[in-house]
Amino acid sequence: MGYINRRLRTLFHTLGLACIAGSVFLQILVFTDIIQHGYFIAVEGNPVILFFEIILTTFAVIYFIYTYLHVIKSVQISHSL
């Protein structure tokens, strides 16, 4: 049981970090396009891809909040010691 929990936690962190890394990469692309052209326009016409992007964004936000709360708790614990 502990092995499955550890593997799920590893998968959760792997997917979360991949989502955050992907969002940073996309922001670099957007800012590069803005610097080159002065504007950025993006329209997604495929509903499957749009749905998948929404799911990944939601997961990334949940992961970010989870990680943030975990760090805050560890800082509070170490500060109280």
C-alpha atoms as a PDB file:
ATOM      1  CA  MET A   1       0.000   0.000   0.000  1.00  0.00           C
ATOM      2  CA  GLY A   2       2.829   2.403   0.833  1.00  0.00           C
ATOM      3  CA  TYR A   3       4.473   1.649  -2.527  1.00  0.00           C
ATOM      4  CA  ILE A   4       1.305   2.611  -4.426  1.00  0.00           C
ATOM      5  CA  ASN A   5       0.934   5.841  -2.429  1.00  0.00           C
ATOM      6  CA  ARG A   6       4.563   6.734  -3.125  1.00  0.00           C
ATOM      7  CA  ARG A   7       4.125   6.074  -6.839  1.00  0.00           C
ATOM      8  CA  LEU A   8       0.924   8.147  -6.959  1.00  0.00           C
ATOM      9  CA  ARG A   9       2.658  10.988  -5.118  1.00  0.00           C
ATOM     10  CA  THR A  10       5.569  10.792  -7.580  1.00  0.00           C
ATOM     11  CA  LEU A  11       3.133  10.843 -10.512  1.00  0.00           C
ATOM     12  CA  PHE A  12       1.270  13.801  -8.973  1.00  0.00           C
ATOM     13  CA  HIS A  13       4.483  15.809  -8.560  1.00  0.00           C
ATOM     14  CA  THR A  14       5.764  14.831 -12.009  1.00  0.00           C
ATOM     15  CA  LEU A  15       2.568  15.964 -13.715  1.00  0.00           C
ATOM     16  CA  GLY A  16       2.389  19.118 -11.600  1.00  0.00           C
ATOM     17  CA  LEU A  17       5.950  20.156 -12.336  1.00  0.00           C
ATOM     18  CA  ALA A  18       5.470  19.363 -16.028  1.00  0.00           C
ATOM     19  CA  CYS A  19       2.375  21.592 -16.145  1.00  0.00           C
ATOM     20  CA  ILE A  20       4.189  24.452 -14.448  1.00  0.00           C
ATOM     21  CA  ALA A  21       7.247  24.030 -16.707  1.00  0.00           C
ATOM     22  CA  GLY A  22       4.972  23.977 -19.756  1.00  0.00           C
ATOM     23  CA  SER A  23       3.261  27.167 -18.669  1.00  0.00           C
ATOM     24  CA  VAL A  24       6.616  28.905 -18.207  1.00  0.00           C
ATOM     25  CA  PHE A  25       7.692  27.744 -21.674  1.00  0.00           C
ATOM     26  CA  LEU A  26       4.455  29.032 -23.210  1.00  0.00           C
ATOM     27  CA  GLN A  27       4.863  32.380 -21.466  1.00  0.00           C
ATOM     28  CA  ILE A  28       8.348  32.675 -22.964  1.00  0.00           C
ATOM     29  CA  LEU A  29       6.875  32.006 -26.411  1.00  0.00           C
ATOM     30  CA  VAL A  30       4.116  34.574 -25.886  1.00  0.00           C
ATOM     31  CA  PHE A  31       6.485  37.286 -24.666  1.00  0.00           C
ATOM     32  CA  THR A  32       8.892  36.547 -27.518  1.00  0.00           C
ATOM     33  CA  ASP A  33       6.029  36.978 -29.986  1.00  0.00           C
ATOM     34  CA  ILE A  34       4.957  40.209 -28.291  1.00  0.00           C
ATOM     35  CA  ILE A  35       8.501  41.567 -28.473  1.00  0.00           C
ATOM     36  CA  GLN A  36       8.791  40.637 -32.165  1.00  0.00           C
ATOM     37  CA  HIS A  37       5.337  41.716 -33.378  1.00  0.00           C
ATOM     38  CA  GLY A  38       4.020  43.987 -30.652  1.00  0.00           C
ATOM     39  CA  TYR A  39       0.966  41.819 -29.985  1.00  0.00           C
ATOM     40  CA  PHE A  40      -0.146  38.219 -29.467  1.00  0.00           C
ATOM     41  CA  ILE A  41      -3.316  36.576 -30.742  1.00  0.00           C
ATOM     42  CA  ALA A  42      -4.191  32.957 -30.035  1.00  0.00           C
ATOM     43  CA  VAL A  43      -7.427  31.207 -30.939  1.00  0.00           C
ATOM     44  CA  GLU A  44      -8.026  27.512 -30.375  1.00  0.00           C
ATOM     45  CA  GLY A  45     -10.679  26.061 -32.666  1.00  0.00           C
ATOM     46  CA  ASN A  46     -10.435  22.387 -31.696  1.00  0.00           C
ATOM     47  CA  PRO A  47     -12.775  21.717 -28.724  1.00  0.00           C
ATOM     48  CA  VAL A  48     -10.853  18.579 -27.658  1.00  0.00           C
ATOM     49  CA  ILE A  49      -7.572  20.482 -27.377  1.00  0.00           C
ATOM     50  CA  LEU A  50      -9.330  23.371 -25.637  1.00  0.00           C
ATOM     51  CA  PHE A  51     -10.891  20.981 -23.103  1.00  0.00           C
ATOM     52  CA  PHE A  52      -7.504  19.306 -22.510  1.00  0.00           C
ATOM     53  CA  GLU A  53      -5.863  22.714 -21.989  1.00  0.00           C
ATOM     54  CA  ILE A  54      -8.539  23.665 -19.453  1.00  0.00           C
ATOM     55  CA  ILE A  55      -8.021  20.387 -17.563  1.00  0.00           C
ATOM     56  CA  LEU A  56      -4.224  20.870 -17.513  1.00  0.00           C
ATOM     57  CA  THR A  57      -4.600  24.464 -16.356  1.00  0.00           C
ATOM     58  CA  THR A  58      -6.957  23.419 -13.564  1.00  0.00           C
ATOM     59  CA  PHE A  59      -4.537  20.682 -12.489  1.00  0.00           C
ATOM     60  CA  ALA A  60      -1.618  23.145 -12.542  1.00  0.00           C
ATOM     61  CA  VAL A  61      -3.536  25.597 -10.332  1.00  0.00           C
ATOM     62  CA  ILE A  62      -4.435  22.832  -7.871  1.00  0.00           C
ATOM     63  CA  TYR A  63      -0.832  21.619  -7.817  1.00  0.00           C
ATOM     64  CA  PHE A  64       0.481  25.155  -7.316  1.00  0.00           C
ATOM     65  CA  ILE A  65      -1.894  25.748  -4.380  1.00  0.00           C
ATOM     66  CA  TYR A  66      -0.998  22.363  -2.866  1.00  0.00           C
ATOM     67  CA  THR A  67       2.734  23.077  -3.163  1.00  0.00           C
ATOM     68  CA  TYR A  68       2.340  26.616  -1.832  1.00  0.00           C
ATOM     69  CA  LEU A  69       0.394  25.439   1.225  1.00  0.00           C
ATOM     70  CA  HIS A  70       2.916  22.661   1.852  1.00  0.00           C
ATOM     71  CA  VAL A  71       5.810  25.138   1.779  1.00  0.00           C
ATOM     72  CA  ILE A  72       3.983  27.592   4.047  1.00  0.00           C
ATOM     73  CA  LYS A  73       3.268  24.826   6.569  1.00  0.00           C
ATOM     74  CA  SER A  74       6.900  23.715   6.565  1.00  0.00           C
ATOM     75  CA  VAL A  75       8.081  27.313   7.052  1.00  0.00           C
ATOM     76  CA  GLN A  76       5.649  27.793   9.955  1.00  0.00           C
ATOM     77  CA  ILE A  77       6.791  24.547  11.566  1.00  0.00           C
ATOM     78  CA  SER A  78      10.486  25.372  11.234  1.00  0.00           C
ATOM     79  CA  HIS A  79       9.884  28.937  12.427  1.00  0.00           C
ATOM     80  CA  SER A  80       8.089  27.752  15.584  1.00  0.00           C
ATOM     81  CA  LEU A  81      10.982  25.442  16.487  1.00  0.00           C
END
